[in-house]
Amino acid sequence: MERAEQPKETITAKDLGVVACTRCMQVWPQEVRVCARCGHRLVLRDHKSQQKVWALWLVGLICYIPANLYPMLQTRTLFSVDNSTIVGGAIELIEYDSYGVAIIILIASVMIPVAKFLAIAFLSISITRPTTMSKNQRQLLYEVVEYIGRWSMIDIFVVAILSSLVQLNVLVAINPGPASLFFALSVIFTMLSAQAFDSRLIWDAQHNGKGQPKE
């Protein structure tokens, strides 16, 4: 039995013969090559975006591995040197009953980066393969990933603040560990990967039968 109502096909700007500037969102005819408002080059579709997304995504993932293995924070006292990884530092905060700070660090430094890796990979794959998620939901997921990307740097901010405040010469000193560099690079590359993704390809999938919800 056929469904009573069939979902309407979304009409895209490409179908209307116009292209939107990805910088200022001004709409122009497809023949226009440069946005007269901001000077940005207009591209109807970036067909090489998938290569850029996966390349930047892979580099970000490679950087994220040592970011969790190497020390994020090095605490030197008069008699000892303590190295703390991201997860190890969160566990120590829990032992000192600082549950709120520990939860924030785990969410910002572990859960959000992993979720971003999975979301970007899912969005890229969904363009060419059927998925149960609708086009509107995938567009919303992309906007969320792009928005929360900057908040993944909170762990780096904590390390920078502690390093600048706690410098008591030979008594106590806190310095950033090698993991801080890898973590910052991982965040930067995942942000670039999300920005390289051309979300307009999500809507183009309806015309070639790809990326459609499974029955």
C-alpha atoms as a PDB file:
ATOM      1  CA  MET A   1       0.000   0.000   0.000  1.00  0.00           C
ATOM      2  CA  GLU A   2       1.314   3.390  -0.937  1.00  0.00           C
ATOM      3  CA  ARG A   3       1.700   6.086   1.655  1.00  0.00           C
ATOM      4  CA  ALA A   4      -1.063   8.673   1.852  1.00  0.00           C
ATOM      5  CA  GLU A   5       1.409  11.536   1.732  1.00  0.00           C
ATOM      6  CA  GLN A   6       4.751  11.572  -0.017  1.00  0.00           C
ATOM      7  CA  PRO A   7       7.438  13.942   1.254  1.00  0.00           C
ATOM      8  CA  LYS A   8       7.814  16.990  -0.952  1.00  0.00           C
ATOM      9  CA  GLU A   9      11.101  17.471  -2.737  1.00  0.00           C
ATOM     10  CA  THR A  10      13.029  20.460  -1.457  1.00  0.00           C
ATOM     11  CA  ILE A  11      13.739  23.138  -4.046  1.00  0.00           C
ATOM     12  CA  THR A  12      17.339  24.286  -3.698  1.00  0.00           C
ATOM     13  CA  ALA A  13      19.013  27.505  -4.815  1.00  0.00           C
ATOM     14  CA  LYS A  14      20.704  25.480  -7.538  1.00  0.00           C
ATOM     15  CA  ASP A  15      17.287  24.515  -8.912  1.00  0.00           C
ATOM     16  CA  LEU A  16      16.323  28.199  -9.019  1.00  0.00           C
ATOM     17  CA  GLY A  17      19.472  29.167 -10.890  1.00  0.00           C
ATOM     18  CA  VAL A  18      21.045  31.182  -8.075  1.00  0.00           C
ATOM     19  CA  VAL A  19      24.047  30.752  -5.798  1.00  0.00           C
ATOM     20  CA  ALA A  20      24.565  32.092  -2.274  1.00  0.00           C
ATOM     21  CA  CYS A  21      27.809  33.573  -1.015  1.00  0.00           C
ATOM     22  CA  THR A  22      29.117  31.333   1.769  1.00  0.00           C
ATOM     23  CA  ARG A  23      30.608  34.355   3.560  1.00  0.00           C
ATOM     24  CA  CYS A  24      27.832  36.989   3.615  1.00  0.00           C
ATOM     25  CA  MET A  25      24.930  34.781   2.357  1.00  0.00           C
ATOM     26  CA  GLN A  26      23.974  37.238  -0.390  1.00  0.00           C
ATOM     27  CA  VAL A  27      22.211  35.489  -3.293  1.00  0.00           C
ATOM     28  CA  TRP A  28      23.392  36.013  -6.887  1.00  0.00           C
ATOM     29  CA  PRO A  29      22.636  34.488 -10.291  1.00  0.00           C
ATOM     30  CA  GLN A  30      24.776  31.444 -11.093  1.00  0.00           C
ATOM     31  CA  GLU A  31      26.638  33.363 -13.793  1.00  0.00           C
ATOM     32  CA  VAL A  32      28.157  35.713 -11.191  1.00  0.00           C
ATOM     33  CA  ARG A  33      31.626  34.595 -10.116  1.00  0.00           C
ATOM     34  CA  VAL A  34      32.496  37.143  -7.392  1.00  0.00           C
ATOM     35  CA  CYS A  35      30.208  38.477  -4.660  1.00  0.00           C
ATOM     36  CA  ALA A  36      29.778  42.229  -5.156  1.00  0.00           C
ATOM     37  CA  ARG A  37      29.031  42.706  -1.445  1.00  0.00           C
ATOM     38  CA  CYS A  38      32.094  41.105   0.200  1.00  0.00           C
ATOM     39  CA  GLY A  39      34.351  40.164  -2.735  1.00  0.00           C
ATOM     40  CA  HIS A  40      34.257  36.424  -1.918  1.00  0.00           C
ATOM     41  CA  ARG A  41      34.508  33.985  -4.838  1.00  0.00           C
ATOM     42  CA  LEU A  42      31.192  32.283  -5.559  1.00  0.00           C
ATOM     43  CA  VAL A  43      31.197  28.520  -6.030  1.00  0.00           C
ATOM     44  CA  LEU A  44      28.033  26.659  -6.939  1.00  0.00           C
ATOM     45  CA  ARG A  45      29.323  23.427  -5.380  1.00  0.00           C
ATOM     46  CA  ASP A  46      32.730  22.502  -4.010  1.00  0.00           C
ATOM     47  CA  HIS A  47      33.126  19.018  -5.455  1.00  0.00           C
ATOM     48  CA  LYS A  48      36.568  18.653  -3.869  1.00  0.00           C
ATOM     49  CA  SER A  49      35.221  19.399  -0.407  1.00  0.00           C
ATOM     50  CA  GLN A  50      34.987  15.717   0.520  1.00  0.00           C
ATOM     51  CA  GLN A  51      38.714  15.239  -0.087  1.00  0.00           C
ATOM     52  CA  LYS A  52      39.488  18.259   2.091  1.00  0.00           C
ATOM     53  CA  VAL A  53      37.128  17.054   4.828  1.00  0.00           C
ATOM     54  CA  TRP A  54      38.645  13.581   5.068  1.00  0.00           C
ATOM     55  CA  ALA A  55      42.242  14.848   4.861  1.00  0.00           C
ATOM     56  CA  LEU A  56      41.757  17.375   7.670  1.00  0.00           C
ATOM     57  CA  TRP A  57      39.654  14.879   9.656  1.00  0.00           C
ATOM     58  CA  LEU A  58      42.410  12.258   9.489  1.00  0.00           C
ATOM     59  CA  VAL A  59      45.120  14.707  10.591  1.00  0.00           C
ATOM     60  CA  GLY A  60      42.922  15.839  13.483  1.00  0.00           C
ATOM     61  CA  LEU A  61      42.356  12.236  14.554  1.00  0.00           C
ATOM     62  CA  ILE A  62      46.090  11.479  14.388  1.00  0.00           C
ATOM     63  CA  CYS A  63      46.811  14.510  16.603  1.00  0.00           C
ATOM     64  CA  TYR A  64      44.076  13.530  19.064  1.00  0.00           C
ATOM     65  CA  ILE A  65      45.744  10.198  19.910  1.00  0.00           C
ATOM     66  CA  PRO A  66      48.980  11.622  21.429  1.00  0.00           C
ATOM     67  CA  ALA A  67      46.882  14.398  23.003  1.00  0.00           C
ATOM     68  CA  ASN A  68      45.397  11.731  25.265  1.00  0.00           C
ATOM     69  CA  LEU A  69      48.574   9.691  25.749  1.00  0.00           C
ATOM     70  CA  TYR A  70      51.069  12.438  26.603  1.00  0.00           C
ATOM     71  CA  PRO A  71      50.895  14.689  29.687  1.00  0.00           C
ATOM     72  CA  MET A  72      48.659  17.734  29.320  1.00  0.00           C
ATOM     73  CA  LEU A  73      49.934  19.413  32.483  1.00  0.00           C
ATOM     74  CA  GLN A  74      53.275  19.208  34.286  1.00  0.00           C
ATOM     75  CA  THR A  75      53.356  20.247  37.941  1.00  0.00           C
ATOM     76  CA  ARG A  76      56.814  20.727  39.474  1.00  0.00           C
ATOM     77  CA  THR A  77      57.248  21.138  43.193  1.00  0.00           C
ATOM     78  CA  LEU A  78      60.344  21.320  45.356  1.00  0.00           C
ATOM     79  CA  PHE A  79      60.533  17.538  45.717  1.00  0.00           C
ATOM     80  CA  SER A  80      58.609  16.015  42.817  1.00  0.00           C
ATOM     81  CA  VAL A  81      57.338  16.337  39.259  1.00  0.00           C
ATOM     82  CA  ASP A  82      53.777  15.259  38.450  1.00  0.00           C
ATOM     83  CA  ASN A  83      52.576  14.719  34.881  1.00  0.00           C
ATOM     84  CA  SER A  84      48.829  14.590  34.242  1.00  0.00           C
ATOM     85  CA  THR A  85      46.992  13.473  31.127  1.00  0.00           C
ATOM     86  CA  ILE A  86      43.524  14.776  30.276  1.00  0.00           C
ATOM     87  CA  VAL A  87      41.685  11.852  31.825  1.00  0.00           C
ATOM     88  CA  GLY A  88      44.221  11.495  34.650  1.00  0.00           C
ATOM     89  CA  GLY A  89      43.825  15.151  35.569  1.00  0.00           C
ATOM     90  CA  ALA A  90      40.022  14.795  35.616  1.00  0.00           C
ATOM     91  CA  ILE A  91      40.334  11.764  37.913  1.00  0.00           C
ATOM     92  CA  GLU A  92      42.566  13.724  40.290  1.00  0.00           C
ATOM     93  CA  LEU A  93      40.003  16.539  40.379  1.00  0.00           C
ATOM     94  CA  ILE A  94      37.327  14.012  41.307  1.00  0.00           C
ATOM     95  CA  GLU A  95      39.529  12.751  44.144  1.00  0.00           C
ATOM     96  CA  TYR A  96      39.701  16.342  45.427  1.00  0.00           C
ATOM     97  CA  ASP A  97      35.885  16.587  45.210  1.00  0.00           C
ATOM     98  CA  SER A  98      36.025  19.037  42.281  1.00  0.00           C
ATOM     99  CA  TYR A  99      33.307  17.191  40.416  1.00  0.00           C
ATOM    100  CA  GLY A 100      32.052  20.164  38.411  1.00  0.00           C
ATOM    101  CA  VAL A 101      35.435  21.053  36.933  1.00  0.00           C
ATOM    102  CA  ALA A 102      36.202  17.389  36.233  1.00  0.00           C
ATOM    103  CA  ILE A 103      32.911  16.923  34.386  1.00  0.00           C
ATOM    104  CA  ILE A 104      33.490  20.064  32.307  1.00  0.00           C
ATOM    105  CA  ILE A 105      36.974  18.891  31.314  1.00  0.00           C
ATOM    106  CA  LEU A 106      35.757  15.395  30.407  1.00  0.00           C
ATOM    107  CA  ILE A 107      32.894  16.778  28.319  1.00  0.00           C
ATOM    108  CA  ALA A 108      34.964  19.460  26.555  1.00  0.00           C
ATOM    109  CA  SER A 109      38.144  17.415  26.076  1.00  0.00           C
ATOM    110  CA  VAL A 110      36.852  13.867  25.556  1.00  0.00           C
ATOM    111  CA  MET A 111      33.154  13.659  24.743  1.00  0.00           C
ATOM    112  CA  ILE A 112      32.867  16.672  22.418  1.00  0.00           C
ATOM    113  CA  PRO A 113      35.993  15.903  20.307  1.00  0.00           C
ATOM    114  CA  VAL A 114      34.968  12.249  19.877  1.00  0.00           C
ATOM    115  CA  ALA A 115      31.407  13.287  19.023  1.00  0.00           C
ATOM    116  CA  LYS A 116      32.752  15.769  16.454  1.00  0.00           C
ATOM    117  CA  PHE A 117      34.875  13.094  14.780  1.00  0.00           C
ATOM    118  CA  LEU A 118      31.870  10.770  14.549  1.00  0.00           C
ATOM    119  CA  ALA A 119      29.498  13.515  13.358  1.00  0.00           C
ATOM    120  CA  ILE A 120      31.806  14.776  10.597  1.00  0.00           C
ATOM    121  CA  ALA A 121      32.458  11.228   9.384  1.00  0.00           C
ATOM    122  CA  PHE A 122      28.724  10.459   9.419  1.00  0.00           C
ATOM    123  CA  LEU A 123      27.854  13.617   7.459  1.00  0.00           C
ATOM    124  CA  SER A 124      30.476  12.855   4.816  1.00  0.00           C
ATOM    125  CA  ILE A 125      29.334   9.251   4.418  1.00  0.00           C
ATOM    126  CA  SER A 126      25.632  10.179   4.395  1.00  0.00           C
ATOM    127  CA  ILE A 127      26.095  12.167   1.186  1.00  0.00           C
ATOM    128  CA  THR A 128      26.790   9.017  -0.811  1.00  0.00           C
ATOM    129  CA  ARG A 129      24.945   6.342   1.178  1.00  0.00           C
ATOM    130  CA  PRO A 130      21.370   5.936   2.446  1.00  0.00           C
ATOM    131  CA  THR A 131      20.709   7.003   6.031  1.00  0.00           C
ATOM    132  CA  THR A 132      17.784   7.057   8.445  1.00  0.00           C
ATOM    133  CA  MET A 133      18.404  10.739   9.275  1.00  0.00           C
ATOM    134  CA  SER A 134      16.524  13.332   7.228  1.00  0.00           C
ATOM    135  CA  LYS A 135      18.179  16.195   5.353  1.00  0.00           C
ATOM    136  CA  ASN A 136      16.910  18.741   7.890  1.00  0.00           C
ATOM    137  CA  GLN A 137      18.363  16.737  10.773  1.00  0.00           C
ATOM    138  CA  ARG A 138      21.723  16.398   9.030  1.00  0.00           C
ATOM    139  CA  GLN A 139      21.807  20.127   8.333  1.00  0.00           C
ATOM    140  CA  LEU A 140      21.075  20.808  12.008  1.00  0.00           C
ATOM    141  CA  LEU A 141      23.798  18.347  13.044  1.00  0.00           C
ATOM    142  CA  TYR A 142      26.289  20.141  10.808  1.00  0.00           C
ATOM    143  CA  GLU A 143      25.406  23.539  12.294  1.00  0.00           C
ATOM    144  CA  VAL A 144      25.779  22.161  15.837  1.00  0.00           C
ATOM    145  CA  VAL A 145      29.194  20.646  15.032  1.00  0.00           C
ATOM    146  CA  GLU A 146      30.397  23.907  13.526  1.00  0.00           C
ATOM    147  CA  TYR A 147      29.110  25.944  16.485  1.00  0.00           C
ATOM    148  CA  ILE A 148      30.549  23.870  19.344  1.00  0.00           C
ATOM    149  CA  GLY A 149      33.955  23.449  17.701  1.00  0.00           C
ATOM    150  CA  ARG A 150      35.428  26.502  19.430  1.00  0.00           C
ATOM    151  CA  TRP A 151      34.421  25.246  22.903  1.00  0.00           C
ATOM    152  CA  SER A 152      36.729  22.248  22.587  1.00  0.00           C
ATOM    153  CA  MET A 153      39.624  24.580  23.411  1.00  0.00           C
ATOM    154  CA  ILE A 154      38.521  24.954  27.040  1.00  0.00           C
ATOM    155  CA  ASP A 155      41.177  22.485  28.230  1.00  0.00           C
ATOM    156  CA  ILE A 156      43.886  24.573  26.552  1.00  0.00           C
ATOM    157  CA  PHE A 157      42.502  27.702  28.224  1.00  0.00           C
ATOM    158  CA  VAL A 158      42.679  26.006  31.647  1.00  0.00           C
ATOM    159  CA  VAL A 159      46.297  24.960  31.070  1.00  0.00           C
ATOM    160  CA  ALA A 160      47.254  28.451  29.874  1.00  0.00           C
ATOM    161  CA  ILE A 161      45.636  30.127  32.893  1.00  0.00           C
ATOM    162  CA  LEU A 162      47.242  27.738  35.383  1.00  0.00           C
ATOM    163  CA  SER A 163      50.638  28.100  33.711  1.00  0.00           C
ATOM    164  CA  SER A 164      50.505  31.884  33.944  1.00  0.00           C
ATOM    165  CA  LEU A 165      49.176  32.059  37.505  1.00  0.00           C
ATOM    166  CA  VAL A 166      51.084  29.285  39.271  1.00  0.00           C
ATOM    167  CA  GLN A 167      54.757  30.197  38.867  1.00  0.00           C
ATOM    168  CA  LEU A 168      56.399  30.252  42.311  1.00  0.00           C
ATOM    169  CA  ASN A 169      59.955  29.678  41.097  1.00  0.00           C
ATOM    170  CA  VAL A 170      61.487  26.612  42.771  1.00  0.00           C
ATOM    171  CA  LEU A 171      58.517  25.973  45.073  1.00  0.00           C
ATOM    172  CA  VAL A 172      55.702  25.270  42.602  1.00  0.00           C
ATOM    173  CA  ALA A 173      55.462  25.671  38.839  1.00  0.00           C
ATOM    174  CA  ILE A 174      52.830  24.494  36.371  1.00  0.00           C
ATOM    175  CA  ASN A 175      53.773  24.147  32.724  1.00  0.00           C
ATOM    176  CA  PRO A 176      51.859  22.838  29.684  1.00  0.00           C
ATOM    177  CA  GLY A 177      52.805  19.341  28.579  1.00  0.00           C
ATOM    178  CA  PRO A 178      53.365  18.095  25.019  1.00  0.00           C
ATOM    179  CA  ALA A 179      49.737  16.938  24.826  1.00  0.00           C
ATOM    180  CA  SER A 180      48.540  20.556  24.843  1.00  0.00           C
ATOM    181  CA  LEU A 181      50.114  21.171  21.425  1.00  0.00           C
ATOM    182  CA  PHE A 182      48.626  18.006  19.925  1.00  0.00           C
ATOM    183  CA  PHE A 183      45.217  18.755  21.427  1.00  0.00           C
ATOM    184  CA  ALA A 184      45.217  22.302  20.041  1.00  0.00           C
ATOM    185  CA  LEU A 185      46.189  20.990  16.598  1.00  0.00           C
ATOM    186  CA  SER A 186      43.458  18.348  16.782  1.00  0.00           C
ATOM    187  CA  VAL A 187      40.819  20.973  17.572  1.00  0.00           C
ATOM    188  CA  ILE A 188      42.047  23.261  14.794  1.00  0.00           C
ATOM    189  CA  PHE A 189      42.054  20.528  12.160  1.00  0.00           C
ATOM    190  CA  THR A 190      38.595  19.255  13.122  1.00  0.00           C
ATOM    191  CA  MET A 191      37.255  22.823  12.941  1.00  0.00           C
ATOM    192  CA  LEU A 192      38.795  23.197   9.479  1.00  0.00           C
ATOM    193  CA  SER A 193      37.359  19.830   8.491  1.00  0.00           C
ATOM    194  CA  ALA A 194      33.855  20.930   9.507  1.00  0.00           C
ATOM    195  CA  GLN A 195      34.261  24.234   7.666  1.00  0.00           C
ATOM    196  CA  ALA A 196      35.485  22.441   4.532  1.00  0.00           C
ATOM    197  CA  PHE A 197      32.300  20.368   4.420  1.00  0.00           C
ATOM    198  CA  ASP A 198      29.892  21.725   1.791  1.00  0.00           C
ATOM    199  CA  SER A 199      26.503  21.244   3.439  1.00  0.00           C
ATOM    200  CA  ARG A 200      24.752  21.987   0.136  1.00  0.00           C
ATOM    201  CA  LEU A 201      25.720  18.484  -0.965  1.00  0.00           C
ATOM    202  CA  ILE A 202      23.257  17.147   1.622  1.00  0.00           C
ATOM    203  CA  TRP A 203      20.394  18.680  -0.345  1.00  0.00           C
ATOM    204  CA  ASP A 204      21.803  17.642  -3.723  1.00  0.00           C
ATOM    205  CA  ALA A 205      21.586  14.000  -2.637  1.00  0.00           C
ATOM    206  CA  GLN A 206      17.811  14.031  -3.235  1.00  0.00           C
ATOM    207  CA  HIS A 207      18.346  14.417  -6.991  1.00  0.00           C
ATOM    208  CA  ASN A 208      20.769  11.533  -7.463  1.00  0.00           C
ATOM    209  CA  GLY A 209      19.078   9.135  -5.041  1.00  0.00           C
ATOM    210  CA  LYS A 210      21.943   9.198  -2.543  1.00  0.00           C
ATOM    211  CA  GLY A 211      21.716  10.071   1.116  1.00  0.00           C
ATOM    212  CA  GLN A 212      17.994   9.355   1.241  1.00  0.00           C
ATOM    213  CA  PRO A 213      16.365   7.973   4.393  1.00  0.00           C
ATOM    214  CA  LYS A 214      15.964   4.208   4.431  1.00  0.00           C
ATOM    215  CA  GLU A 215      12.423   2.866   4.160  1.00  0.00           C
END
